[in-house]
Amino acid sequence: MIDKSIYQKLAKELYTDELIAKASRIELLAFDVDGVLTDGGLYFDHDGRESKRFHAQDGHGIKILQSINVEMMIISGRNSKCVTQRGDELGIKRIVQGTRDKLKSFHKQDINLLKDKVCYVGDDTVDVELLQYVGLSVIVPNSNIILNQLNFDWVTPRKGGYGAIRDVCDLIYFSKIINAKQK
C-alpha cells in the first residue's frame, strides 16, 4: 500500500483545489455502464448471448471506496445480465437498468443525500440531466461529442472500460485523504 502522504502529493499534482473540494464530499458514486464501466462495445455470440468487457482496476477502485463507506450505484439505459452479475460481484446494491430518464430513475431510489454528496459519471446525451444535477459531474474522453461542448467538472484521463471508473475512485479517495489532513 502506498503511504498516504504520497497520495496527497500525487493528488495535488493531478487535481485542482476546487475538484478536490467537490470530490472530498462524495458519499455516493453513480455511473453509467456502456462506454463508462465498459468500452461501449456490445458483444454477442452466435446464439445472441451478450457479453461485456470490464476492467479489473475499476472493480478494485470500487472496492477501495466501499471500504471507506462510499456507496455505489449503477444506472444504465440498457438491461443486461452481465451488469447484474458484475454489480453483484462488486457488492453494488443499487443497480438500475433499462432507463431512458436517468434523473427520474435516480430520484426514485430514495437517496437521502444532498446532491453535492453525489458524483455521476456518464458518456452520452441520456446522461446530461443527471450530470447537471449532481455535485460532481464526470465524463470520459470517449463521450458523445455533444457532452464535450457542455461544462462538467472533470474528464477522466482514461477511456470508459479502460480504467475510467478507477480514475474517479482515486480522485474521490485522494481528495478525502487531503480533506482529512487539512482538518
N, C-alpha and C. Protein backbone atom coordinates (compact mmCIF):
# COMPACT_ATOMS: atom_id res chain seq x y z
N MET A 1 0.84 -1.18 0.00
CA MET A 1 0.00 0.00 0.00
C MET A 1 0.89 1.24 0.00
N ILE A 2 0.50 2.24 -0.77
CA ILE A 2 1.26 3.48 -0.85
C ILE A 2 1.00 4.32 0.40
N ASP A 3 2.05 4.95 0.92
CA ASP A 3 1.94 5.84 2.07
C ASP A 3 0.97 6.98 1.73
N LYS A 4 0.12 7.34 2.68
CA LYS A 4 -0.91 8.36 2.45
C LYS A 4 -0.32 9.72 2.08
N SER A 5 0.87 10.03 2.54
CA SER A 5 1.48 11.31 2.19
C SER A 5 1.82 11.35 0.70
N ILE A 6 2.13 10.19 0.13
CA ILE A 6 2.38 10.13 -1.31
C ILE A 6 1.09 10.36 -2.08
N TYR A 7 -0.02 9.77 -1.59
CA TYR A 7 -1.33 10.04 -2.20
C TYR A 7 -1.61 11.54 -2.22
N GLN A 8 -1.35 12.19 -1.11
CA GLN A 8 -1.63 13.60 -1.00
C GLN A 8 -0.81 14.40 -2.02
N LYS A 9 0.46 14.07 -2.14
CA LYS A 9 1.33 14.76 -3.09
C LYS A 9 0.86 14.53 -4.53
N LEU A 10 0.54 13.28 -4.85
CA LEU A 10 0.06 12.96 -6.20
C LEU A 10 -1.23 13.69 -6.53
N ALA A 11 -2.15 13.70 -5.59
CA ALA A 11 -3.45 14.34 -5.81
C ALA A 11 -3.29 15.83 -6.08
N LYS A 12 -2.43 16.48 -5.33
CA LYS A 12 -2.20 17.92 -5.53
C LYS A 12 -1.63 18.21 -6.92
N GLU A 13 -0.90 17.24 -7.47
CA GLU A 13 -0.35 17.41 -8.82
C GLU A 13 -1.40 17.13 -9.91
N LEU A 14 -2.34 16.25 -9.61
CA LEU A 14 -3.31 15.80 -10.62
C LEU A 14 -4.61 16.61 -10.67
N TYR A 15 -5.01 17.17 -9.53
CA TYR A 15 -6.34 17.76 -9.42
C TYR A 15 -6.28 19.20 -8.93
N THR A 16 -7.26 20.00 -9.36
CA THR A 16 -7.37 21.37 -8.87
C THR A 16 -7.93 21.36 -7.44
N ASP A 17 -7.72 22.45 -6.74
CA ASP A 17 -8.26 22.56 -5.38
C ASP A 17 -9.79 22.48 -5.39
N GLU A 18 -10.42 23.09 -6.39
CA GLU A 18 -11.89 23.05 -6.49
C GLU A 18 -12.38 21.63 -6.71
N LEU A 19 -11.70 20.87 -7.56
CA LEU A 19 -12.08 19.48 -7.81
C LEU A 19 -11.90 18.64 -6.55
N ILE A 20 -10.81 18.85 -5.84
CA ILE A 20 -10.56 18.13 -4.59
C ILE A 20 -11.65 18.43 -3.57
N ALA A 21 -12.04 19.69 -3.47
CA ALA A 21 -13.08 20.07 -2.51
C ALA A 21 -14.40 19.37 -2.84
N LYS A 22 -14.77 19.35 -4.11
CA LYS A 22 -16.02 18.68 -4.50
C LYS A 22 -15.93 17.18 -4.26
N ALA A 23 -14.83 16.57 -4.67
CA ALA A 23 -14.68 15.12 -4.56
C ALA A 23 -14.62 14.65 -3.11
N SER A 24 -14.10 15.48 -2.23
CA SER A 24 -13.97 15.08 -0.82
C SER A 24 -15.32 14.94 -0.13
N ARG A 25 -16.37 15.53 -0.70
CA ARG A 25 -17.72 15.46 -0.11
C ARG A 25 -18.53 14.25 -0.58
N ILE A 26 -18.03 13.51 -1.56
CA ILE A 26 -18.83 12.46 -2.19
C ILE A 26 -19.09 11.28 -1.25
N GLU A 27 -20.37 10.90 -1.18
CA GLU A 27 -20.80 9.73 -0.40
C GLU A 27 -21.48 8.68 -1.28
N LEU A 28 -21.78 9.06 -2.53
CA LEU A 28 -22.39 8.13 -3.48
C LEU A 28 -21.75 8.36 -4.85
N LEU A 29 -21.18 7.30 -5.40
CA LEU A 29 -20.65 7.33 -6.77
C LEU A 29 -21.61 6.52 -7.64
N ALA A 30 -22.24 7.21 -8.59
CA ALA A 30 -23.15 6.56 -9.53
C ALA A 30 -22.53 6.64 -10.92
N PHE A 31 -22.78 5.63 -11.74
CA PHE A 31 -22.18 5.64 -13.06
C PHE A 31 -22.98 4.82 -14.06
N ASP A 32 -22.83 5.21 -15.31
CA ASP A 32 -23.39 4.50 -16.45
C ASP A 32 -22.54 3.25 -16.69
N VAL A 33 -23.01 2.40 -17.57
CA VAL A 33 -22.26 1.17 -17.87
C VAL A 33 -21.61 1.26 -19.24
N ASP A 34 -22.41 1.18 -20.31
CA ASP A 34 -21.85 1.12 -21.66
C ASP A 34 -21.12 2.42 -22.01
N GLY A 35 -19.81 2.31 -22.22
CA GLY A 35 -18.98 3.46 -22.54
C GLY A 35 -18.33 4.09 -21.32
N VAL A 36 -18.70 3.66 -20.11
CA VAL A 36 -18.11 4.17 -18.88
C VAL A 36 -17.47 3.03 -18.09
N LEU A 37 -18.29 2.09 -17.64
CA LEU A 37 -17.76 0.90 -16.94
C LEU A 37 -17.23 -0.12 -17.95
N THR A 38 -17.72 -0.03 -19.18
CA THR A 38 -17.22 -0.89 -20.27
C THR A 38 -16.72 0.00 -21.40
N ASP A 39 -16.17 -0.64 -22.42
CA ASP A 39 -15.67 0.13 -23.57
C ASP A 39 -16.78 0.58 -24.51
N GLY A 40 -18.01 0.23 -24.21
CA GLY A 40 -19.14 0.65 -25.04
C GLY A 40 -19.50 -0.34 -26.13
N GLY A 41 -18.65 -1.33 -26.34
CA GLY A 41 -18.94 -2.34 -27.35
C GLY A 41 -20.03 -3.28 -26.87
N LEU A 42 -20.85 -3.73 -27.79
CA LEU A 42 -21.88 -4.72 -27.49
C LEU A 42 -21.47 -6.00 -28.19
N TYR A 43 -21.13 -7.01 -27.41
CA TYR A 43 -20.61 -8.26 -27.95
C TYR A 43 -21.68 -9.35 -27.84
N PHE A 44 -21.96 -10.03 -28.95
CA PHE A 44 -22.94 -11.10 -28.97
C PHE A 44 -22.32 -12.34 -29.59
N ASP A 45 -22.59 -13.50 -28.99
CA ASP A 45 -22.11 -14.75 -29.59
C ASP A 45 -23.12 -15.19 -30.65
N HIS A 46 -22.84 -16.32 -31.31
CA HIS A 46 -23.69 -16.79 -32.41
C HIS A 46 -25.10 -17.18 -31.96
N ASP A 47 -25.30 -17.34 -30.64
CA ASP A 47 -26.63 -17.64 -30.11
C ASP A 47 -27.34 -16.39 -29.60
N GLY A 48 -26.72 -15.22 -29.79
CA GLY A 48 -27.33 -13.97 -29.37
C GLY A 48 -27.10 -13.60 -27.92
N ARG A 49 -26.23 -14.34 -27.23
CA ARG A 49 -25.93 -14.02 -25.83
C ARG A 49 -24.92 -12.87 -25.77
N GLU A 50 -25.23 -11.93 -24.91
CA GLU A 50 -24.40 -10.74 -24.77
C GLU A 50 -23.27 -10.98 -23.77
N SER A 51 -22.14 -10.35 -24.04
CA SER A 51 -21.06 -10.32 -23.06
C SER A 51 -20.48 -8.90 -23.05
N LYS A 52 -19.84 -8.57 -21.95
CA LYS A 52 -19.23 -7.25 -21.81
C LYS A 52 -17.84 -7.43 -21.22
N ARG A 53 -16.98 -6.46 -21.50
CA ARG A 53 -15.62 -6.46 -21.00
C ARG A 53 -15.51 -5.41 -19.90
N PHE A 54 -15.12 -5.84 -18.71
CA PHE A 54 -14.94 -4.94 -17.58
C PHE A 54 -13.46 -4.87 -17.23
N HIS A 55 -13.00 -3.73 -16.76
CA HIS A 55 -11.60 -3.54 -16.38
C HIS A 55 -11.43 -3.85 -14.90
N ALA A 56 -10.48 -4.71 -14.57
CA ALA A 56 -10.26 -5.13 -13.18
C ALA A 56 -9.93 -3.95 -12.27
N GLN A 57 -9.20 -2.96 -12.76
CA GLN A 57 -8.86 -1.82 -11.92
C GLN A 57 -10.09 -1.03 -11.49
N ASP A 58 -11.11 -0.98 -12.34
CA ASP A 58 -12.36 -0.32 -11.95
C ASP A 58 -12.95 -1.02 -10.73
N GLY A 59 -12.99 -2.34 -10.79
CA GLY A 59 -13.53 -3.11 -9.66
C GLY A 59 -12.74 -2.89 -8.39
N HIS A 60 -11.42 -2.82 -8.52
CA HIS A 60 -10.58 -2.58 -7.34
C HIS A 60 -10.86 -1.19 -6.76
N GLY A 61 -10.99 -0.19 -7.62
CA GLY A 61 -11.30 1.16 -7.16
C GLY A 61 -12.64 1.23 -6.45
N ILE A 62 -13.63 0.52 -6.97
CA ILE A 62 -14.95 0.46 -6.33
C ILE A 62 -14.82 -0.13 -4.93
N LYS A 63 -14.06 -1.21 -4.82
CA LYS A 63 -13.87 -1.85 -3.52
C LYS A 63 -13.14 -0.91 -2.53
N ILE A 64 -12.18 -0.16 -3.02
CA ILE A 64 -11.48 0.81 -2.16
C ILE A 64 -12.46 1.83 -1.60
N LEU A 65 -13.31 2.38 -2.47
CA LEU A 65 -14.28 3.38 -1.99
C LEU A 65 -15.31 2.76 -1.06
N GLN A 66 -15.74 1.56 -1.35
CA GLN A 66 -16.68 0.90 -0.44
C GLN A 66 -16.06 0.70 0.94
N SER A 67 -14.75 0.49 0.99
CA SER A 67 -14.07 0.29 2.28
C SER A 67 -14.07 1.55 3.14
N ILE A 68 -14.31 2.72 2.51
CA ILE A 68 -14.41 3.97 3.28
C ILE A 68 -15.85 4.49 3.26
N ASN A 69 -16.78 3.56 3.03
CA ASN A 69 -18.22 3.83 3.12
C ASN A 69 -18.78 4.77 2.06
N VAL A 70 -18.20 4.76 0.89
CA VAL A 70 -18.80 5.45 -0.25
C VAL A 70 -19.69 4.42 -0.95
N GLU A 71 -20.95 4.77 -1.10
CA GLU A 71 -21.92 3.87 -1.72
C GLU A 71 -21.80 3.94 -3.25
N MET A 72 -22.16 2.85 -3.91
CA MET A 72 -22.11 2.76 -5.37
C MET A 72 -23.51 2.60 -5.94
N MET A 73 -23.67 3.07 -7.18
CA MET A 73 -24.94 2.90 -7.90
C MET A 73 -24.65 2.78 -9.38
N ILE A 74 -25.20 1.77 -10.00
CA ILE A 74 -25.16 1.62 -11.46
C ILE A 74 -26.49 2.11 -12.00
N ILE A 75 -26.44 2.93 -13.04
CA ILE A 75 -27.67 3.39 -13.68
C ILE A 75 -27.44 3.37 -15.19
N SER A 76 -28.10 2.42 -15.85
CA SER A 76 -27.83 2.14 -17.26
C SER A 76 -29.09 2.23 -18.11
N GLY A 77 -28.91 2.66 -19.32
CA GLY A 77 -30.02 2.74 -20.25
C GLY A 77 -30.44 1.40 -20.82
N ARG A 78 -29.59 0.41 -20.71
CA ARG A 78 -29.87 -0.92 -21.24
C ARG A 78 -30.04 -1.92 -20.10
N ASN A 79 -30.65 -3.05 -20.41
CA ASN A 79 -30.76 -4.18 -19.48
C ASN A 79 -29.74 -5.23 -19.90
N SER A 80 -29.00 -5.76 -18.93
CA SER A 80 -28.00 -6.77 -19.24
C SER A 80 -27.73 -7.64 -18.03
N LYS A 81 -27.78 -8.95 -18.23
CA LYS A 81 -27.45 -9.89 -17.15
C LYS A 81 -25.99 -9.71 -16.72
N CYS A 82 -25.14 -9.36 -17.67
CA CYS A 82 -23.72 -9.15 -17.35
C CYS A 82 -23.55 -8.04 -16.32
N VAL A 83 -24.35 -6.99 -16.43
CA VAL A 83 -24.27 -5.86 -15.50
C VAL A 83 -24.72 -6.30 -14.11
N THR A 84 -25.81 -7.03 -14.05
CA THR A 84 -26.29 -7.55 -12.77
C THR A 84 -25.23 -8.42 -12.12
N GLN A 85 -24.62 -9.29 -12.90
CA GLN A 85 -23.59 -10.19 -12.37
C GLN A 85 -22.39 -9.40 -11.86
N ARG A 86 -21.90 -8.45 -12.65
CA ARG A 86 -20.74 -7.66 -12.22
C ARG A 86 -21.08 -6.82 -10.99
N GLY A 87 -22.26 -6.23 -10.98
CA GLY A 87 -22.68 -5.45 -9.82
C GLY A 87 -22.75 -6.30 -8.56
N ASP A 88 -23.30 -7.49 -8.70
CA ASP A 88 -23.38 -8.41 -7.56
C ASP A 88 -21.99 -8.80 -7.06
N GLU A 89 -21.07 -9.09 -8.00
CA GLU A 89 -19.70 -9.44 -7.63
C GLU A 89 -19.04 -8.33 -6.81
N LEU A 90 -19.37 -7.09 -7.16
CA LEU A 90 -18.74 -5.94 -6.50
C LEU A 90 -19.53 -5.45 -5.28
N GLY A 91 -20.64 -6.09 -4.99
CA GLY A 91 -21.43 -5.69 -3.82
C GLY A 91 -22.19 -4.39 -4.02
N ILE A 92 -22.53 -4.10 -5.24
CA ILE A 92 -23.29 -2.88 -5.54
C ILE A 92 -24.77 -3.20 -5.36
N LYS A 93 -25.39 -2.52 -4.41
CA LYS A 93 -26.79 -2.81 -4.07
C LYS A 93 -27.78 -2.08 -4.97
N ARG A 94 -27.42 -0.89 -5.43
CA ARG A 94 -28.31 -0.10 -6.28
C ARG A 94 -27.92 -0.30 -7.75
N ILE A 95 -28.71 -1.09 -8.45
CA ILE A 95 -28.48 -1.33 -9.87
C ILE A 95 -29.79 -1.03 -10.59
N VAL A 96 -29.78 0.03 -11.40
CA VAL A 96 -30.95 0.45 -12.16
C VAL A 96 -30.62 0.26 -13.64
N GLN A 97 -31.45 -0.51 -14.32
CA GLN A 97 -31.22 -0.77 -15.75
C GLN A 97 -32.48 -0.48 -16.56
N GLY A 98 -32.27 -0.25 -17.84
CA GLY A 98 -33.39 -0.05 -18.76
C GLY A 98 -34.08 1.29 -18.61
N THR A 99 -33.34 2.32 -18.23
CA THR A 99 -33.95 3.64 -18.05
C THR A 99 -33.45 4.63 -19.08
N ARG A 100 -34.37 5.37 -19.64
CA ARG A 100 -34.00 6.44 -20.58
C ARG A 100 -34.04 7.80 -19.87
N ASP A 101 -34.68 7.87 -18.70
CA ASP A 101 -34.72 9.10 -17.91
C ASP A 101 -33.95 8.84 -16.62
N LYS A 102 -32.66 9.03 -16.70
CA LYS A 102 -31.80 8.66 -15.57
C LYS A 102 -32.00 9.55 -14.35
N LEU A 103 -32.30 10.81 -14.54
CA LEU A 103 -32.54 11.69 -13.41
C LEU A 103 -33.78 11.24 -12.65
N LYS A 104 -34.85 10.95 -13.36
CA LYS A 104 -36.09 10.48 -12.73
C LYS A 104 -35.85 9.15 -12.01
N SER A 105 -35.13 8.24 -12.66
CA SER A 105 -34.82 6.94 -12.05
C SER A 105 -33.94 7.10 -10.82
N PHE A 106 -33.02 8.05 -10.86
CA PHE A 106 -32.17 8.34 -9.71
C PHE A 106 -33.03 8.77 -8.52
N HIS A 107 -33.94 9.70 -8.76
CA HIS A 107 -34.81 10.20 -7.68
C HIS A 107 -35.73 9.12 -7.12
N LYS A 108 -36.11 8.15 -7.92
CA LYS A 108 -36.96 7.05 -7.45
C LYS A 108 -36.24 6.14 -6.45
N GLN A 109 -34.94 6.26 -6.35
CA GLN A 109 -34.14 5.41 -5.46
C GLN A 109 -34.18 5.85 -4.00
N ASP A 110 -34.88 6.92 -3.69
CA ASP A 110 -34.97 7.41 -2.31
C ASP A 110 -33.60 7.57 -1.67
N ILE A 111 -32.75 8.28 -2.35
CA ILE A 111 -31.40 8.55 -1.84
C ILE A 111 -31.48 9.79 -0.95
N ASN A 112 -31.15 9.62 0.30
CA ASN A 112 -31.25 10.71 1.27
C ASN A 112 -29.91 11.43 1.43
N LEU A 113 -29.42 11.97 0.33
CA LEU A 113 -28.18 12.73 0.34
C LEU A 113 -28.40 14.05 -0.37
N LEU A 114 -27.70 15.07 0.08
CA LEU A 114 -27.68 16.31 -0.68
C LEU A 114 -26.97 16.05 -2.00
N LYS A 115 -27.36 16.76 -3.05
CA LYS A 115 -26.79 16.47 -4.36
C LYS A 115 -25.28 16.75 -4.43
N ASP A 116 -24.76 17.61 -3.55
CA ASP A 116 -23.32 17.85 -3.58
C ASP A 116 -22.52 16.67 -3.03
N LYS A 117 -23.20 15.66 -2.50
CA LYS A 117 -22.55 14.45 -1.99
C LYS A 117 -22.62 13.30 -3.01
N VAL A 118 -23.10 13.63 -4.22
CA VAL A 118 -23.26 12.62 -5.26
C VAL A 118 -22.37 12.95 -6.46
N CYS A 119 -21.68 11.93 -6.95
CA CYS A 119 -20.91 12.03 -8.19
C CYS A 119 -21.57 11.12 -9.21
N TYR A 120 -21.68 11.60 -10.45
CA TYR A 120 -22.18 10.76 -11.53
C TYR A 120 -21.19 10.81 -12.68
N VAL A 121 -20.96 9.63 -13.29
CA VAL A 121 -20.07 9.51 -14.44
C VAL A 121 -20.90 9.02 -15.63
N GLY A 122 -20.88 9.78 -16.71
CA GLY A 122 -21.65 9.42 -17.90
C GLY A 122 -20.87 9.68 -19.17
N ASP A 123 -21.49 9.30 -20.29
CA ASP A 123 -20.79 9.46 -21.57
C ASP A 123 -21.69 9.83 -22.74
N ASP A 124 -23.00 9.99 -22.51
CA ASP A 124 -23.88 10.22 -23.65
C ASP A 124 -25.00 11.20 -23.28
N THR A 125 -25.77 11.58 -24.27
CA THR A 125 -26.80 12.60 -24.06
C THR A 125 -27.85 12.17 -23.04
N VAL A 126 -28.12 10.89 -22.91
CA VAL A 126 -29.08 10.40 -21.92
C VAL A 126 -28.60 10.66 -20.49
N ASP A 127 -27.34 10.96 -20.32
CA ASP A 127 -26.74 11.21 -19.00
C ASP A 127 -26.74 12.69 -18.60
N VAL A 128 -27.02 13.59 -19.54
CA VAL A 128 -26.82 15.02 -19.31
C VAL A 128 -27.60 15.56 -18.11
N GLU A 129 -28.89 15.25 -18.01
CA GLU A 129 -29.68 15.81 -16.90
C GLU A 129 -29.14 15.39 -15.54
N LEU A 130 -28.76 14.14 -15.40
CA LEU A 130 -28.20 13.67 -14.13
C LEU A 130 -26.83 14.29 -13.89
N LEU A 131 -26.02 14.41 -14.93
CA LEU A 131 -24.72 15.06 -14.79
C LEU A 131 -24.87 16.50 -14.31
N GLN A 132 -25.87 17.20 -14.84
CA GLN A 132 -26.09 18.60 -14.45
C GLN A 132 -26.68 18.73 -13.05
N TYR A 133 -27.29 17.68 -12.55
CA TYR A 133 -27.93 17.71 -11.23
C TYR A 133 -26.94 17.50 -10.08
N VAL A 134 -26.01 16.58 -10.24
CA VAL A 134 -25.15 16.14 -9.13
C VAL A 134 -24.09 17.17 -8.74
N GLY A 135 -23.47 16.92 -7.59
CA GLY A 135 -22.44 17.81 -7.08
C GLY A 135 -21.10 17.67 -7.78
N LEU A 136 -20.81 16.49 -8.32
CA LEU A 136 -19.56 16.25 -9.06
C LEU A 136 -19.90 15.49 -10.32
N SER A 137 -19.78 16.19 -11.46
CA SER A 137 -20.12 15.59 -12.75
C SER A 137 -18.85 15.24 -13.51
N VAL A 138 -18.79 13.99 -13.96
CA VAL A 138 -17.59 13.48 -14.63
C VAL A 138 -17.99 12.81 -15.93
N ILE A 139 -17.21 13.08 -16.98
CA ILE A 139 -17.39 12.37 -18.24
C ILE A 139 -16.08 11.70 -18.62
N VAL A 140 -16.16 10.79 -19.57
CA VAL A 140 -14.99 10.07 -20.05
C VAL A 140 -14.56 10.65 -21.40
N PRO A 141 -13.29 10.46 -21.79
CA PRO A 141 -12.82 11.05 -23.04
C PRO A 141 -13.51 10.51 -24.30
N ASN A 142 -14.11 9.33 -24.20
CA ASN A 142 -14.82 8.76 -25.34
C ASN A 142 -16.31 9.11 -25.32
N SER A 143 -16.66 10.18 -24.62
CA SER A 143 -18.06 10.62 -24.55
C SER A 143 -18.56 11.11 -25.90
N ASN A 144 -19.88 11.11 -26.04
CA ASN A 144 -20.51 11.73 -27.20
C ASN A 144 -19.99 13.16 -27.31
N ILE A 145 -19.67 13.58 -28.51
CA ILE A 145 -19.04 14.89 -28.73
C ILE A 145 -19.89 16.04 -28.18
N ILE A 146 -21.19 15.86 -28.10
CA ILE A 146 -22.06 16.91 -27.56
C ILE A 146 -21.70 17.20 -26.10
N LEU A 147 -21.38 16.17 -25.34
CA LEU A 147 -21.02 16.37 -23.93
C LEU A 147 -19.75 17.19 -23.78
N ASN A 148 -18.85 17.07 -24.76
CA ASN A 148 -17.61 17.84 -24.71
C ASN A 148 -17.86 19.34 -24.84
N GLN A 149 -19.03 19.72 -25.35
CA GLN A 149 -19.38 21.13 -25.51
C GLN A 149 -20.03 21.71 -24.26
N LEU A 150 -20.39 20.84 -23.33
CA LEU A 150 -21.04 21.27 -22.10
C LEU A 150 -20.01 21.37 -20.98
N ASN A 151 -20.39 21.97 -19.87
CA ASN A 151 -19.45 22.23 -18.80
C ASN A 151 -19.64 21.24 -17.65
N PHE A 152 -18.76 20.26 -17.55
CA PHE A 152 -18.79 19.30 -16.46
C PHE A 152 -17.52 19.47 -15.64
N ASP A 153 -17.50 18.88 -14.45
CA ASP A 153 -16.40 19.12 -13.52
C ASP A 153 -15.07 18.50 -13.93
N TRP A 154 -15.12 17.32 -14.57
CA TRP A 154 -13.86 16.64 -14.86
C TRP A 154 -14.04 15.65 -15.98
N VAL A 155 -12.98 15.45 -16.76
CA VAL A 155 -12.90 14.39 -17.77
C VAL A 155 -11.81 13.44 -17.30
N THR A 156 -12.14 12.16 -17.20
CA THR A 156 -11.16 11.18 -16.73
C THR A 156 -9.99 11.08 -17.71
N PRO A 157 -8.80 10.76 -17.22
CA PRO A 157 -7.67 10.57 -18.14
C PRO A 157 -7.85 9.35 -19.04
N ARG A 158 -8.51 8.30 -18.51
CA ARG A 158 -8.66 7.07 -19.29
C ARG A 158 -10.08 6.92 -19.82
N LYS A 159 -10.20 6.20 -20.92
CA LYS A 159 -11.49 5.95 -21.56
C LYS A 159 -12.34 4.99 -20.74
N GLY A 160 -13.64 5.04 -20.98
CA GLY A 160 -14.55 4.09 -20.38
C GLY A 160 -14.15 2.67 -20.74
N GLY A 161 -14.20 1.78 -19.76
CA GLY A 161 -13.81 0.39 -19.98
C GLY A 161 -12.33 0.13 -19.88
N TYR A 162 -11.56 1.19 -19.70
CA TYR A 162 -10.10 1.08 -19.64
C TYR A 162 -9.55 1.74 -18.37
N GLY A 163 -10.36 1.77 -17.31
CA GLY A 163 -9.90 2.32 -16.04
C GLY A 163 -10.49 3.67 -15.67
N ALA A 164 -11.47 4.16 -16.41
CA ALA A 164 -12.06 5.47 -16.11
C ALA A 164 -12.71 5.52 -14.73
N ILE A 165 -13.42 4.47 -14.36
CA ILE A 165 -14.05 4.45 -13.04
C ILE A 165 -12.98 4.41 -11.95
N ARG A 166 -11.90 3.71 -12.18
CA ARG A 166 -10.79 3.72 -11.21
C ARG A 166 -10.24 5.13 -11.06
N ASP A 167 -10.13 5.87 -12.16
CA ASP A 167 -9.66 7.26 -12.09
C ASP A 167 -10.56 8.09 -11.17
N VAL A 168 -11.88 7.90 -11.29
CA VAL A 168 -12.82 8.63 -10.44
C VAL A 168 -12.70 8.17 -8.99
N CYS A 169 -12.56 6.87 -8.78
CA CYS A 169 -12.38 6.34 -7.42
C CYS A 169 -11.14 6.92 -6.77
N ASP A 170 -10.05 6.99 -7.53
CA ASP A 170 -8.81 7.57 -7.00
C ASP A 170 -9.00 9.05 -6.67
N LEU A 171 -9.67 9.78 -7.54
CA LEU A 171 -9.94 11.20 -7.28
C LEU A 171 -10.68 11.36 -5.95
N ILE A 172 -11.72 10.60 -5.74
CA ILE A 172 -12.52 10.70 -4.51
C ILE A 172 -11.69 10.27 -3.30
N TYR A 173 -10.99 9.15 -3.42
CA TYR A 173 -10.19 8.64 -2.31
C TYR A 173 -9.09 9.63 -1.91
N PHE A 174 -8.31 10.09 -2.90
CA PHE A 174 -7.23 11.04 -2.62
C PHE A 174 -7.77 12.31 -2.00
N SER A 175 -8.91 12.78 -2.53
CA SER A 175 -9.50 14.03 -2.04
C SER A 175 -9.95 13.90 -0.59
N LYS A 176 -10.47 12.76 -0.24
CA LYS A 176 -10.89 12.53 1.15
C LYS A 176 -9.67 12.49 2.09
N ILE A 177 -8.57 11.93 1.63
CA ILE A 177 -7.33 11.92 2.43
C ILE A 177 -6.84 13.35 2.64
N ILE A 178 -6.81 14.12 1.57
CA ILE A 178 -6.34 15.50 1.66
C ILE A 178 -7.24 16.30 2.60
N ASN A 179 -8.54 16.15 2.44
CA ASN A 179 -9.50 16.87 3.27
C ASN A 179 -9.35 16.50 4.75
N ALA A 180 -9.12 15.23 5.04
CA ALA A 180 -8.94 14.77 6.41
C ALA A 180 -7.66 15.37 7.03
N LYS A 181 -6.61 15.49 6.22
CA LYS A 181 -5.34 16.03 6.73
C LYS A 181 -5.44 17.52 7.01
N GLN A 182 -6.33 18.21 6.28
CA GLN A 182 -6.45 19.66 6.44
C GLN A 182 -7.32 20.04 7.64
N LYS A 183 -8.05 19.07 8.19
CA LYS A 183 -8.93 19.37 9.34
C LYS A 183 -8.17 19.33 10.63
